[in-house]
Amino acid sequence: MRRQQTGLSILAWLVVLIVVGSIALLTVRLAPHYIDYRTLVSIIDGLPASSVHTMSKGEIRDTMLKRMKINNIRDLDVRDILEIDRKRDGTALILHYERREPLVYNVDLVVTFDRRFEFH
């Protein structure tokens, strides 16, 4: 009588390896962009909330630029990613940008980041 074998076949192992490899590739490609985004959010959250409304747009950009350099975010320009919206009762900082990461041949991954911060 034959014993039945248990476990994965070679084809099943290849499928598992392809899936795990794809997830690892996506993680390696996209993780730095999400880390930069979280750092930018923490930089904006760290701005003095009581004085943002009284700061000029140039002062806000300069403060952001200095903190971005400290955190080693050098491939983004403050003028391109941050919009400053002044209202009578407060200031809104709108962080909006997208990053494109090549995956294979002519296939790219695009991630878009968009968040609004209100300061009164």
C-alpha atoms as a PDB file:
ATOM      1  CA  MET A   1       0.000   0.000   0.000  1.00  0.00           C
ATOM      2  CA  ARG A   2       1.322   3.458  -0.894  1.00  0.00           C
ATOM      3  CA  ARG A   3       1.682   6.122   1.710  1.00  0.00           C
ATOM      4  CA  GLN A   4       0.197   9.477   0.871  1.00  0.00           C
ATOM      5  CA  GLN A   5       2.609  12.351   0.875  1.00  0.00           C
ATOM      6  CA  THR A   6       1.757  15.518   2.722  1.00  0.00           C
ATOM      7  CA  GLY A   7       3.147  18.961   2.202  1.00  0.00           C
ATOM      8  CA  LEU A   8       3.518  21.343  -0.678  1.00  0.00           C
ATOM      9  CA  SER A   9       4.548  20.366  -4.145  1.00  0.00           C
ATOM     10  CA  ILE A  10       7.300  22.203  -5.987  1.00  0.00           C
ATOM     11  CA  LEU A  11       4.749  24.206  -7.927  1.00  0.00           C
ATOM     12  CA  ALA A  12       2.996  25.257  -4.726  1.00  0.00           C
ATOM     13  CA  TRP A  13       6.344  26.282  -3.206  1.00  0.00           C
ATOM     14  CA  LEU A  14       7.086  28.421  -6.270  1.00  0.00           C
ATOM     15  CA  VAL A  15       3.726  30.162  -5.947  1.00  0.00           C
ATOM     16  CA  VAL A  16       4.348  30.825  -2.247  1.00  0.00           C
ATOM     17  CA  LEU A  17       7.833  32.162  -2.991  1.00  0.00           C
ATOM     18  CA  ILE A  18       6.511  34.449  -5.742  1.00  0.00           C
ATOM     19  CA  VAL A  19       3.821  35.865  -3.453  1.00  0.00           C
ATOM     20  CA  VAL A  20       6.236  36.388  -0.544  1.00  0.00           C
ATOM     21  CA  GLY A  21       8.845  37.895  -2.876  1.00  0.00           C
ATOM     22  CA  SER A  22       6.306  40.291  -4.390  1.00  0.00           C
ATOM     23  CA  ILE A  23       5.198  41.483  -0.969  1.00  0.00           C
ATOM     24  CA  ALA A  24       8.813  41.943   0.090  1.00  0.00           C
ATOM     25  CA  LEU A  25       9.591  43.911  -3.089  1.00  0.00           C
ATOM     26  CA  LEU A  26       6.608  46.220  -2.561  1.00  0.00           C
ATOM     27  CA  THR A  27       7.587  46.757   1.057  1.00  0.00           C
ATOM     28  CA  VAL A  28      11.180  47.607   0.183  1.00  0.00           C
ATOM     29  CA  ARG A  29      10.090  50.010  -2.578  1.00  0.00           C
ATOM     30  CA  LEU A  30       7.276  51.816  -0.724  1.00  0.00           C
ATOM     31  CA  ALA A  31       8.382  51.852   2.930  1.00  0.00           C
ATOM     32  CA  PRO A  32      10.804  54.812   2.547  1.00  0.00           C
ATOM     33  CA  HIS A  33       8.036  56.983   1.073  1.00  0.00           C
ATOM     34  CA  TYR A  34       5.682  56.194   3.938  1.00  0.00           C
ATOM     35  CA  ILE A  35       8.462  56.854   6.461  1.00  0.00           C
ATOM     36  CA  ASP A  36       9.114  60.259   4.841  1.00  0.00           C
ATOM     37  CA  TYR A  37       5.385  61.042   4.935  1.00  0.00           C
ATOM     38  CA  ARG A  38       5.112  60.139   8.634  1.00  0.00           C
ATOM     39  CA  THR A  39       8.173  62.315   9.311  1.00  0.00           C
ATOM     40  CA  LEU A  40       6.587  65.255   7.458  1.00  0.00           C
ATOM     41  CA  VAL A  41       3.372  64.820   9.446  1.00  0.00           C
ATOM     42  CA  SER A  42       5.335  64.844  12.699  1.00  0.00           C
ATOM     43  CA  ILE A  43       7.235  67.962  11.566  1.00  0.00           C
ATOM     44  CA  ILE A  44       3.987  69.811  10.880  1.00  0.00           C
ATOM     45  CA  ASP A  45       2.448  68.560  14.126  1.00  0.00           C
ATOM     46  CA  GLY A  46       5.555  69.851  15.915  1.00  0.00           C
ATOM     47  CA  LEU A  47       5.090  73.408  14.684  1.00  0.00           C
ATOM     48  CA  PRO A  48       4.076  75.783  17.486  1.00  0.00           C
ATOM     49  CA  ALA A  49       0.278  75.755  17.118  1.00  0.00           C
ATOM     50  CA  SER A  50      -0.168  79.089  18.882  1.00  0.00           C
ATOM     51  CA  SER A  51       2.132  80.984  16.527  1.00  0.00           C
ATOM     52  CA  VAL A  52       1.615  79.357  13.108  1.00  0.00           C
ATOM     53  CA  HIS A  53      -1.191  81.799  12.294  1.00  0.00           C
ATOM     54  CA  THR A  54       1.088  84.770  13.034  1.00  0.00           C
ATOM     55  CA  MET A  55       4.103  83.410  11.139  1.00  0.00           C
ATOM     56  CA  SER A  56       4.649  84.549   7.559  1.00  0.00           C
ATOM     57  CA  LYS A  57       4.530  82.004   4.743  1.00  0.00           C
ATOM     58  CA  GLY A  58       8.288  82.346   4.341  1.00  0.00           C
ATOM     59  CA  GLU A  59       8.876  81.648   8.044  1.00  0.00           C
ATOM     60  CA  ILE A  60       6.692  78.546   7.864  1.00  0.00           C
ATOM     61  CA  ARG A  61       8.549  77.284   4.795  1.00  0.00           C
ATOM     62  CA  ASP A  62      11.954  78.034   6.341  1.00  0.00           C
ATOM     63  CA  THR A  63      11.022  76.214   9.538  1.00  0.00           C
ATOM     64  CA  MET A  64       9.783  73.246   7.525  1.00  0.00           C
ATOM     65  CA  LEU A  65      12.937  73.239   5.386  1.00  0.00           C
ATOM     66  CA  LYS A  66      15.223  73.254   8.439  1.00  0.00           C
ATOM     67  CA  ARG A  67      13.336  70.408  10.076  1.00  0.00           C
ATOM     68  CA  MET A  68      13.307  68.441   6.825  1.00  0.00           C
ATOM     69  CA  LYS A  69      17.106  68.783   6.578  1.00  0.00           C
ATOM     70  CA  ILE A  70      17.497  67.622  10.185  1.00  0.00           C
ATOM     71  CA  ASN A  71      15.373  64.556   9.391  1.00  0.00           C
ATOM     72  CA  ASN A  72      17.289  63.907   6.137  1.00  0.00           C
ATOM     73  CA  ILE A  73      14.378  64.540   3.773  1.00  0.00           C
ATOM     74  CA  ARG A  74      16.256  66.140   0.907  1.00  0.00           C
ATOM     75  CA  ASP A  75      14.439  65.008  -2.225  1.00  0.00           C
ATOM     76  CA  LEU A  76      11.238  66.992  -1.601  1.00  0.00           C
ATOM     77  CA  ASP A  77      10.814  70.738  -2.063  1.00  0.00           C
ATOM     78  CA  VAL A  78       8.673  72.544   0.514  1.00  0.00           C
ATOM     79  CA  ARG A  79       7.134  74.805  -2.125  1.00  0.00           C
ATOM     80  CA  ASP A  80       5.969  71.790  -4.135  1.00  0.00           C
ATOM     81  CA  ILE A  81       4.493  69.722  -1.314  1.00  0.00           C
ATOM     82  CA  LEU A  82       3.069  72.301   1.123  1.00  0.00           C
ATOM     83  CA  GLU A  83       0.269  74.740   0.434  1.00  0.00           C
ATOM     84  CA  ILE A  84      -0.448  77.461   2.987  1.00  0.00           C
ATOM     85  CA  ASP A  85      -4.076  78.586   3.127  1.00  0.00           C
ATOM     86  CA  ARG A  86      -4.655  81.746   5.171  1.00  0.00           C
ATOM     87  CA  LYS A  87      -8.065  82.588   6.537  1.00  0.00           C
ATOM     88  CA  ARG A  88      -9.170  85.270   8.934  1.00  0.00           C
ATOM     89  CA  ASP A  89      -9.667  82.834  11.815  1.00  0.00           C
ATOM     90  CA  GLY A  90      -6.717  80.495  11.183  1.00  0.00           C
ATOM     91  CA  THR A  91      -4.170  78.955   8.894  1.00  0.00           C
ATOM     92  CA  ALA A  92      -4.343  75.619   7.135  1.00  0.00           C
ATOM     93  CA  LEU A  93      -1.270  73.749   5.955  1.00  0.00           C
ATOM     94  CA  ILE A  94      -2.061  71.298   3.178  1.00  0.00           C
ATOM     95  CA  LEU A  95       0.490  68.571   2.617  1.00  0.00           C
ATOM     96  CA  HIS A  96      -0.139  67.149  -0.844  1.00  0.00           C
ATOM     97  CA  TYR A  97       2.268  65.277  -3.100  1.00  0.00           C
ATOM     98  CA  GLU A  98       2.779  62.030  -4.923  1.00  0.00           C
ATOM     99  CA  ARG A  99       5.759  59.761  -5.342  1.00  0.00           C
ATOM    100  CA  ARG A 100       6.442  57.473  -8.275  1.00  0.00           C
ATOM    101  CA  GLU A 101       8.549  54.375  -7.788  1.00  0.00           C
ATOM    102  CA  PRO A 102       9.605  52.181 -10.736  1.00  0.00           C
ATOM    103  CA  LEU A 103       8.669  48.550 -10.204  1.00  0.00           C
ATOM    104  CA  VAL A 104       9.572  46.566 -13.336  1.00  0.00           C
ATOM    105  CA  TYR A 105      10.206  47.703 -16.899  1.00  0.00           C
ATOM    106  CA  ASN A 106       7.464  50.262 -17.656  1.00  0.00           C
ATOM    107  CA  VAL A 107       5.325  49.575 -14.584  1.00  0.00           C
ATOM    108  CA  ASP A 108       5.463  52.173 -11.818  1.00  0.00           C
ATOM    109  CA  LEU A 109       3.939  52.370  -8.377  1.00  0.00           C
ATOM    110  CA  VAL A 110       2.349  55.725  -7.531  1.00  0.00           C
ATOM    111  CA  VAL A 111       1.484  56.726  -3.980  1.00  0.00           C
ATOM    112  CA  THR A 112      -0.372  59.938  -3.186  1.00  0.00           C
ATOM    113  CA  PHE A 113      -0.225  61.675   0.162  1.00  0.00           C
ATOM    114  CA  ASP A 114      -2.794  64.310   1.117  1.00  0.00           C
ATOM    115  CA  ARG A 115      -3.489  65.761   4.555  1.00  0.00           C
ATOM    116  CA  ARG A 116      -4.794  69.058   5.890  1.00  0.00           C
ATOM    117  CA  PHE A 117      -3.624  70.604   9.179  1.00  0.00           C
ATOM    118  CA  GLU A 118      -5.644  73.375  10.826  1.00  0.00           C
ATOM    119  CA  PHE A 119      -4.056  75.973  13.104  1.00  0.00           C
ATOM    120  CA  HIS A 120      -6.145  78.607  14.904  1.00  0.00           C
END
